[in-house]
Protein backbone atom coordinates (compact mmCIF):
# COMPACT_ATOMS: atom_id res chain seq x y z
CA MET A 1 20.30 4.61 20.70
CA GLN A 2 17.24 2.36 21.88
CA LEU A 3 14.47 3.20 19.43
CA ALA A 4 10.87 3.61 20.45
CA VAL A 5 8.30 2.90 17.74
CA ALA A 6 5.21 4.91 17.60
CA GLY A 7 2.26 3.27 19.33
CA THR A 8 4.50 0.88 21.21
CA PRO A 9 6.65 2.91 23.75
CA GLY A 10 9.93 1.28 24.44
CA ALA A 11 9.74 -1.07 21.63
CA ASP A 12 12.12 -1.69 18.69
CA TYR A 13 9.73 -3.86 16.69
CA ARG A 14 6.13 -3.94 15.51
CA TRP A 15 4.08 -5.95 13.40
CA ARG A 16 3.65 -4.06 10.24
CA THR A 17 0.65 -3.84 8.10
CA MET A 18 -0.17 -2.96 4.55
CA SER A 19 -0.80 0.77 5.64
CA SER A 20 2.90 1.24 6.59
CA ASP A 21 3.66 3.21 3.49
CA HIS A 22 1.71 6.11 5.16
CA GLU A 23 3.00 5.73 8.79
CA ALA A 24 5.93 8.32 8.72
CA LEU A 25 3.60 10.81 6.76
CA ALA A 26 0.88 10.50 9.34
CA PHE A 27 3.16 10.72 12.37
CA ALA A 28 4.99 13.92 11.01
CA ALA A 29 1.54 15.47 10.00
CA GLU A 30 0.36 15.15 13.59
CA GLN A 31 3.37 16.51 15.58
CA PRO A 32 6.68 18.10 15.26
CA ALA A 33 8.95 15.39 13.86
CA ALA A 34 11.71 15.13 11.28
CA LEU A 35 11.22 13.43 7.98
CA CYS A 36 13.88 11.04 6.37
CA THR A 37 13.29 9.80 2.66
CA ILE A 38 15.35 7.66 0.49
CA VAL A 39 15.82 9.69 -2.68
CA ALA A 40 18.15 7.42 -4.49
CA ILE A 41 19.41 3.76 -4.50
CA ASP A 42 22.64 3.03 -6.08
CA GLY A 43 22.34 -0.77 -6.43
CA SER A 44 19.75 -2.95 -4.77
CA PHE A 45 18.13 -2.41 -1.34
CA SER A 46 15.45 -4.00 0.64
CA ARG A 47 13.21 -0.78 0.65
CA ARG A 48 12.04 1.24 -2.41
CA THR A 49 12.93 4.78 -3.36
CA GLY A 50 10.50 6.93 -1.38
CA ALA A 51 10.70 4.96 1.85
CA GLN A 52 10.34 7.14 4.71
CA LEU A 53 11.01 7.36 8.55
CA ALA A 54 9.61 10.08 10.88
CA VAL A 55 11.69 10.85 13.98
CA ALA A 56 10.24 12.99 17.02
CA PRO A 57 12.45 14.91 19.20
CA ASP A 58 12.44 12.31 21.85
CA GLY A 59 13.69 9.46 19.39
CA THR A 60 10.18 7.90 18.92
CA ILE A 61 10.06 6.71 15.13
CA ALA A 62 7.39 5.85 12.71
CA GLY A 63 7.66 4.26 9.29
CA ASP A 64 9.92 1.86 7.70
CA LEU A 65 13.16 2.93 5.82
CA ALA A 66 15.74 0.31 6.76
CA ASP A 67 16.91 -2.06 9.53
CA ASN A 68 17.33 -1.08 13.09
CA CYS A 69 21.07 0.00 12.76
CA LEU A 70 20.33 2.35 9.87
CA ASN A 71 17.16 3.52 11.49
CA ALA A 72 18.97 4.37 14.85
CA GLU A 73 21.72 6.28 12.84
CA LEU A 74 19.15 8.27 11.12
CA ALA A 75 17.23 9.04 14.21
CA ASN A 76 20.47 10.57 15.75
CA GLN A 77 21.01 12.60 12.57
CA ALA A 78 17.46 13.83 12.61
CA ILE A 79 17.59 14.72 16.32
CA GLU A 80 20.75 16.71 15.70
CA ALA A 81 19.18 18.39 12.68
CA MET A 82 16.11 19.38 14.77
CA GLU A 83 18.31 20.73 17.55
CA SER A 84 20.46 22.64 15.39
CA SER A 85 18.08 24.17 12.71
CA GLY A 86 14.95 24.77 14.88
CA ASP A 87 11.82 25.72 12.67
CA ASN A 88 14.02 27.21 9.82
CA GLY A 89 14.31 24.39 7.64
CA GLY A 90 17.94 23.04 7.19
CA ALA A 91 17.34 19.93 5.18
CA ARG A 92 20.20 17.70 4.99
CA LEU A 93 21.35 15.04 2.22
CA LEU A 94 23.45 12.28 3.53
CA ARG A 95 24.87 9.21 1.76
CA TYR A 96 25.21 5.85 3.44
CA GLY A 97 27.01 2.77 2.07
CA LYS A 98 28.91 2.69 -1.31
CA GLY A 99 30.71 6.00 -1.77
CA SER A 100 29.57 7.49 1.60
CA PRO A 101 31.99 9.47 3.90
CA PHE A 102 30.65 7.75 6.91
CA ILE A 103 33.36 4.87 6.56
CA ASP A 104 32.36 3.10 9.89
CA PHE A 105 28.97 2.65 8.61
CA ARG A 106 28.31 0.08 5.87
CA LEU A 107 25.31 -1.55 4.29
CA PRO A 108 25.52 -5.48 4.07
CA CYS A 109 23.99 -5.32 0.54
CA GLY A 110 27.06 -3.21 -0.75
CA SER A 111 24.78 -0.53 -2.15
CA GLY A 112 24.45 3.22 -1.65
CA LEU A 113 21.61 5.29 -0.15
CA ASP A 114 20.90 9.06 -0.75
CA ILE A 115 18.81 10.01 2.13
CA LEU A 116 17.08 13.51 2.61
CA ILE A 117 16.43 14.49 6.37
CA GLU A 118 13.90 17.30 6.79
CA PRO A 119 14.14 18.60 10.34
CA ALA A 120 11.05 20.80 10.02
CA PRO A 121 8.90 19.43 7.19
CA ASP A 122 5.88 21.52 6.12
CA ARG A 123 3.10 20.01 8.36
CA GLU A 124 0.54 21.88 6.23
CA ALA A 125 1.47 20.04 3.25
CA LEU A 126 1.74 16.63 4.97
CA GLN A 127 -1.78 17.19 6.49
CA GLY A 128 -2.91 17.90 2.80
CA CYS A 129 -1.48 14.87 1.66
CA MET A 130 -3.29 12.78 4.54
CA ALA A 131 -6.65 14.55 3.65
CA THR A 132 -6.24 13.65 0.07
CA LEU A 133 -5.43 9.87 0.73
CA ALA A 134 -8.50 9.88 3.11
CA ALA A 135 -10.48 10.93 0.10
CA ARG A 136 -9.17 7.92 -1.76
CA GLN A 137 -7.00 9.98 -4.09
CA GLY A 138 -3.39 9.71 -5.00
CA ALA A 139 -1.18 12.45 -3.11
CA GLU A 140 2.02 14.11 -3.86
CA LEU A 141 4.61 15.71 -1.58
CA ALA A 142 7.45 17.90 -2.85
CA LEU A 143 10.79 17.08 -1.29
CA PRO A 144 13.08 20.11 -0.57
CA LEU A 145 16.25 18.79 -2.22
CA PRO A 146 19.45 21.15 -2.21
CA LEU A 147 19.73 22.92 -5.63
CA ALA A 148 23.10 21.02 -6.31
CA ALA A 149 21.42 17.71 -5.68
CA ASN A 150 21.76 15.11 -8.47
CA PRO A 151 18.95 15.62 -10.90
CA VAL A 152 17.90 11.85 -10.74
CA PHE A 153 17.14 12.08 -7.25
CA LEU A 154 13.58 11.79 -6.14
CA ARG A 155 11.96 15.27 -5.89
CA THR A 156 8.33 14.33 -5.42
CA ARG A 157 6.98 11.60 -3.14
CA ARG A 158 3.94 10.06 -4.44
CA TYR A 159 1.38 8.15 -2.35
CA MET A 160 -1.45 5.91 -3.30
CA PRO A 161 -4.42 5.15 -1.04
CA PRO A 162 -4.44 1.92 1.07
CA LEU A 163 -5.55 -1.32 -0.57
CA ARG A 164 -9.42 -1.84 -0.25
CA LEU A 165 -11.04 -5.30 -0.71
CA LEU A 166 -14.68 -5.86 -1.70
CA VAL A 167 -15.70 -9.69 -1.25
CA LEU A 168 -18.84 -10.85 -2.76
CA GLY A 169 -19.85 -14.33 -2.13
CA ALA A 170 -20.84 -16.97 0.43
CA GLY A 171 -19.05 -19.55 2.34
CA SER A 172 -16.01 -20.17 4.47
CA GLU A 173 -13.73 -18.90 1.87
CA CYS A 174 -15.13 -15.40 2.13
CA SER A 175 -14.87 -15.22 5.83
CA ALA A 176 -11.21 -16.57 5.70
CA LEU A 177 -10.26 -14.00 3.11
CA VAL A 178 -11.82 -11.11 4.99
CA LYS A 179 -10.21 -12.09 8.29
CA LEU A 180 -6.79 -12.65 6.73
CA ALA A 181 -6.95 -9.20 5.03
CA GLN A 182 -7.98 -7.50 8.20
CA THR A 183 -4.93 -8.92 10.12
CA GLN A 184 -2.85 -6.99 7.45
CA GLY A 185 -4.73 -3.79 8.33
CA ILE A 186 -6.59 -4.01 4.91
CA GLU A 187 -10.02 -2.56 4.62
CA ALA A 188 -12.19 -5.40 3.67
CA GLU A 189 -15.99 -5.54 3.25
CA TRP A 190 -17.92 -8.84 2.55
CA ARG A 191 -21.21 -8.81 0.93
CA GLU A 192 -22.88 -12.27 1.59
CA ALA A 193 -25.34 -14.14 -0.97
CA GLY A 194 -28.59 -14.25 0.54
CA ASN A 195 -28.12 -11.73 3.31
CA HIS A 196 -26.73 -8.69 1.29
CA LEU A 197 -27.14 -9.86 -2.23
CA SER A 198 -29.99 -10.87 -4.37
CA LEU A 199 -29.60 -13.34 -7.42
CA ASP A 200 -28.91 -11.23 -10.64
CA LYS A 201 -29.04 -7.98 -8.87
CA VAL A 202 -26.39 -5.45 -7.77
CA PRO A 203 -26.89 -3.63 -4.48
CA ALA A 204 -28.08 -0.10 -5.03
CA ASP A 205 -25.25 1.49 -3.27
CA LEU A 206 -22.81 -0.10 -5.62
CA LEU A 207 -24.78 1.19 -8.68
CA ASP A 208 -25.37 4.69 -7.47
CA GLY A 209 -21.72 5.36 -6.46
CA THR A 210 -22.37 5.42 -2.69
CA TRP A 211 -19.71 2.75 -2.55
CA ALA A 212 -17.35 3.44 -5.31
CA ALA A 213 -14.67 0.94 -6.43
CA ASP A 214 -11.58 3.24 -7.17
CA PRO A 215 -8.24 2.26 -8.79
CA TRP A 216 -6.91 0.91 -5.51
CA THR A 217 -9.88 -1.36 -4.89
CA ALA A 218 -9.82 -5.15 -5.45
CA ILE A 219 -13.33 -7.00 -6.15
CA LEU A 220 -13.46 -10.68 -5.58
CA LEU A 221 -16.36 -12.94 -6.42
CA LEU A 222 -16.29 -16.22 -4.47
CA PHE A 223 -19.30 -18.10 -5.36
CA HIS A 224 -19.81 -21.85 -5.77
CA ASP A 225 -23.08 -21.17 -7.52
CA HIS A 226 -22.17 -19.37 -10.44
CA GLU A 227 -25.41 -18.00 -11.23
CA TRP A 228 -25.09 -15.32 -8.71
CA GLU A 229 -22.17 -13.85 -10.59
CA TYR A 230 -23.43 -12.37 -13.93
CA ALA A 231 -24.90 -9.07 -12.83
CA LEU A 232 -22.07 -8.57 -10.29
CA LEU A 233 -19.25 -9.12 -12.82
CA LYS A 234 -20.85 -6.96 -15.44
CA TRP A 235 -20.96 -4.11 -12.70
CA ALA A 236 -17.33 -4.87 -11.52
CA LEU A 237 -15.83 -4.96 -14.91
CA GLY A 238 -17.22 -1.50 -15.56
CA THR A 239 -15.68 -0.05 -12.45
CA ASN A 240 -12.17 1.40 -11.92
CA ALA A 241 -11.07 -1.49 -9.59
CA PHE A 242 -7.51 -2.57 -10.45
CA TYR A 243 -8.34 -6.13 -9.66
CA VAL A 244 -11.64 -8.12 -10.57
CA GLY A 245 -11.30 -11.90 -9.83
CA ALA A 246 -13.84 -14.73 -9.79
CA GLN A 247 -13.47 -18.18 -8.16
CA GLY A 248 -13.79 -21.26 -10.25
CA GLY A 249 -11.86 -23.58 -12.67
CA ALA A 250 -11.33 -23.48 -16.45
CA PRO A 251 -15.06 -24.77 -17.26
CA ALA A 252 -16.42 -21.84 -14.99
CA ARG A 253 -14.32 -19.30 -16.66
CA MET A 254 -15.13 -20.47 -20.21
CA ALA A 255 -18.98 -20.35 -19.32
CA ARG A 256 -18.82 -16.83 -17.54
CA LEU A 257 -16.79 -15.34 -20.32
CA GLU A 258 -19.30 -16.56 -22.96
CA ARG A 259 -22.32 -15.33 -21.08
CA LEU A 260 -20.71 -11.91 -20.37
CA LYS A 261 -19.69 -11.61 -24.11
CA ALA A 262 -23.20 -12.36 -25.13
CA GLY A 263 -24.55 -9.73 -22.67
CA GLY A 264 -22.44 -7.06 -24.39
CA VAL A 265 -19.28 -6.96 -22.25
CA ASN A 266 -16.39 -5.99 -24.51
CA ASP A 267 -13.08 -7.98 -24.87
CA ASP A 268 -10.97 -5.22 -23.16
CA ALA A 269 -13.36 -5.47 -20.04
CA LEU A 270 -13.30 -9.43 -20.37
CA ALA A 271 -9.53 -9.28 -20.41
CA ARG A 272 -9.43 -7.64 -17.03
CA LEU A 273 -11.11 -10.91 -15.29
CA ARG A 274 -8.87 -12.86 -13.26
CA SER A 275 -10.01 -16.39 -13.14
CA PRO A 276 -9.00 -18.72 -11.65
CA VAL A 277 -7.84 -16.60 -8.77
CA GLY A 278 -4.91 -16.80 -6.52
CA LEU A 279 -1.25 -18.01 -6.84
CA ILE A 280 -1.79 -21.73 -5.64
CA PRO A 281 -3.47 -23.90 -8.19
CA LYS A 282 -6.26 -25.86 -7.12
CA ALA A 283 -6.52 -24.74 -3.41
CA ARG A 284 -8.92 -26.98 -1.84
CA ASP A 285 -8.96 -25.51 1.85
CA SER A 286 -10.57 -22.02 2.55
CA SER A 287 -7.48 -20.79 4.46
CA VAL A 288 -5.12 -21.69 1.65
CA LEU A 289 -7.44 -20.18 -0.86
CA ALA A 290 -7.72 -16.91 1.07
CA LEU A 291 -3.78 -16.79 1.52
CA SER A 292 -3.52 -17.67 -2.27
CA VAL A 293 -5.97 -15.00 -3.22
CA LEU A 294 -4.79 -12.20 -1.02
CA ALA A 295 -1.12 -12.75 -2.13
CA ASP A 296 -2.26 -12.25 -5.73
CA VAL A 297 -4.20 -9.12 -4.88
CA VAL A 298 -1.31 -7.54 -2.82
CA GLY A 299 1.12 -8.36 -5.59
CA ALA A 300 -1.15 -6.61 -8.19
CA TYR A 301 -1.52 -3.64 -5.85
CA GLU A 302 2.11 -3.23 -5.10
CA ALA A 303 2.77 -3.22 -8.83
CA LEU A 304 0.75 0.11 -8.89
CA HIS A 305 3.15 1.72 -6.42
CA PRO A 306 4.56 4.78 -8.14
CA HIS A 307 7.99 4.36 -6.61
CA GLN A 308 9.41 0.77 -7.60
């Protein structure tokens, strides 16, 4: 079967972004489609438990569950399930790879996958999940497993809102980081020193909650002049942001920690501050720093995922 990926008719490949975890959910919430979910992995696999694929009656797919071979096999199974069950449910639980009855379909990794196929998922529940995620809150979707299913199988698919990035600072490092983040579909906002920021002041919309830093938001301070940081860092360390980082080497780190502690910031809050930022030590080029920082942020965000 030649797969057509949602948004690119006739294509069997698309550039995936950081928002791909919600693609199948969003697709199935908008139109009739089957929903395939990995509910257990026996061994190791390139996707996590909970990975999903949506399949429309015409074979169009959305999401990312496996490679093209398994995606095509699941699309065929999903279409057959939709045609045979109509709107009456009829969820199927299939095993692929190790221990599977499909002896002509093997996984190169040697593992086994248990996959739930819902030919007619509850679209109202799917739409409710999308609305909850749009409100920047975690969402849950019950999976209709058969009563006899193994009790260790995933029964609730949990979703977290997309990664969001707030960049505070000035210079080419900021623009490089924002551009790189946006190429990955990450919402990124830049408040620039001198234009949107004033020395030792926090913008009113950050203080009054108009722009709230939630547990899926990363805050990066990229200043060469560290005098701009103090008020912003005090604010950032008091938010729910999962990542707060500031540019600068060891001397800058010690100086900012001493000033923050003298200003009443407690040790638990200070321990949240990442500095220096990034995975590449002493990055000297703005594009390299951007890549280094974004990789660190994405790694921390992925560690929050409810299904590892």
